[in-house]
């Protein structure tokens, strides 16, 4: 009778040992990243440089303007037209 009573105790301890090993192995697999979602990769490339052109504003200040915003040049202006165009303080 002693043998029958000791067998269930050994089986329970083995089950606990196997359950502990299983939990530890699942934890290590989870930490290794097998079950985690893949992270998206963000490129670290520098942003594109836009072409700018320095132009004189109507109040006489030098400003940078994107080339795509500038209309095509129709012709050269005279010095008198430039002086009339600039607002004086």
Protein backbone atom coordinates (compact mmCIF):
# COMPACT_ATOMS: atom_id res chain seq x y z
CA UNK A 1 0.00 0.00 0.00
CA UNK A 2 2.85 2.38 0.58
CA UNK A 3 3.88 2.16 -3.08
CA UNK A 4 0.41 3.16 -4.27
CA UNK A 5 0.28 6.18 -1.95
CA UNK A 6 3.73 7.48 -3.00
CA UNK A 7 3.13 7.25 -6.76
CA UNK A 8 0.52 10.08 -6.92
CA UNK A 9 2.91 12.35 -5.01
CA UNK A 10 5.69 11.70 -7.54
CA UNK A 11 3.33 12.28 -10.47
CA UNK A 12 2.18 15.61 -9.02
CA UNK A 13 5.75 16.77 -8.46
CA UNK A 14 6.70 15.73 -12.00
CA UNK A 15 3.70 17.61 -13.40
CA UNK A 16 4.69 20.69 -11.44
CA UNK A 17 8.26 20.38 -12.70
CA UNK A 18 7.10 19.99 -16.33
CA UNK A 19 4.66 22.88 -15.97
CA UNK A 20 7.44 25.08 -14.56
CA UNK A 21 9.80 24.15 -17.39
CA UNK A 22 7.03 24.83 -19.93
CA UNK A 23 6.27 28.25 -18.48
CA UNK A 24 9.95 29.18 -18.39
CA UNK A 25 10.44 28.06 -21.99
CA UNK A 26 7.38 30.04 -23.14
CA UNK A 27 8.67 33.10 -21.30
CA UNK A 28 12.10 32.80 -22.92
CA UNK A 29 10.53 32.34 -26.39
CA UNK A 30 8.30 35.38 -25.79
CA UNK A 31 11.32 37.46 -24.71
CA UNK A 32 13.24 36.33 -27.80
CA UNK A 33 10.55 37.97 -29.90
CA UNK A 34 8.95 35.06 -31.71
CA UNK A 35 5.43 35.93 -30.57
CA UNK A 36 5.78 39.70 -30.81
CA UNK A 37 4.62 41.77 -33.78
CA UNK A 38 7.21 42.96 -36.22
CA UNK A 39 8.05 46.61 -35.74
CA UNK A 40 7.89 48.91 -38.72
CA UNK A 41 11.20 50.40 -39.77
CA UNK A 42 11.35 54.15 -40.18
CA UNK A 43 13.97 55.44 -42.56
CA UNK A 44 16.36 57.97 -41.13
CA UNK A 45 17.23 59.56 -44.45
CA UNK A 46 17.53 63.33 -44.40
CA UNK A 47 14.59 65.21 -45.92
CA UNK A 48 14.87 66.37 -49.49
CA UNK A 49 16.34 69.81 -49.96
CA UNK A 50 13.93 72.08 -51.81
CA UNK A 51 15.40 74.49 -54.30
CA UNK A 52 14.98 78.06 -53.16
CA UNK A 53 15.81 81.37 -54.73
CA UNK A 54 16.59 84.62 -52.93
CA UNK A 55 14.38 87.47 -54.07
CA UNK A 56 13.83 91.05 -53.03
CA UNK A 57 10.41 91.69 -51.48
CA UNK A 58 8.36 94.81 -52.06
CA UNK A 59 9.41 96.32 -48.73
CA UNK A 60 13.11 95.86 -49.59
CA UNK A 61 13.88 92.70 -47.59
CA UNK A 62 15.67 89.68 -49.02
CA UNK A 63 13.51 86.53 -48.79
CA UNK A 64 13.92 82.90 -49.89
CA UNK A 65 11.14 81.54 -52.11
CA UNK A 66 10.57 77.99 -53.36
CA UNK A 67 11.43 77.76 -57.06
CA UNK A 68 8.17 75.95 -57.83
CA UNK A 69 6.21 79.01 -56.61
CA UNK A 70 7.93 81.40 -59.01
CA UNK A 71 6.36 82.11 -62.39
CA UNK A 72 8.55 82.26 -65.46
CA UNK A 73 10.40 85.52 -66.07
CA UNK A 74 8.76 87.64 -68.77
CA UNK A 75 11.58 90.13 -69.20
CA UNK A 76 13.96 92.44 -67.42
CA UNK A 77 12.61 95.50 -65.68
CA UNK A 78 14.20 98.93 -65.73
CA UNK A 79 15.76 100.63 -62.75
CA UNK A 80 12.91 103.15 -62.66
CA UNK A 81 10.28 100.36 -62.50
CA UNK A 82 12.20 98.76 -59.63
CA UNK A 83 12.37 102.03 -57.70
CA UNK A 84 8.64 102.61 -58.21
CA UNK A 85 7.85 99.05 -57.09
CA UNK A 86 9.78 99.26 -53.79
CA UNK A 87 7.74 100.81 -50.99
CA UNK A 88 9.62 103.45 -49.06
CA UNK A 89 9.19 103.88 -45.34
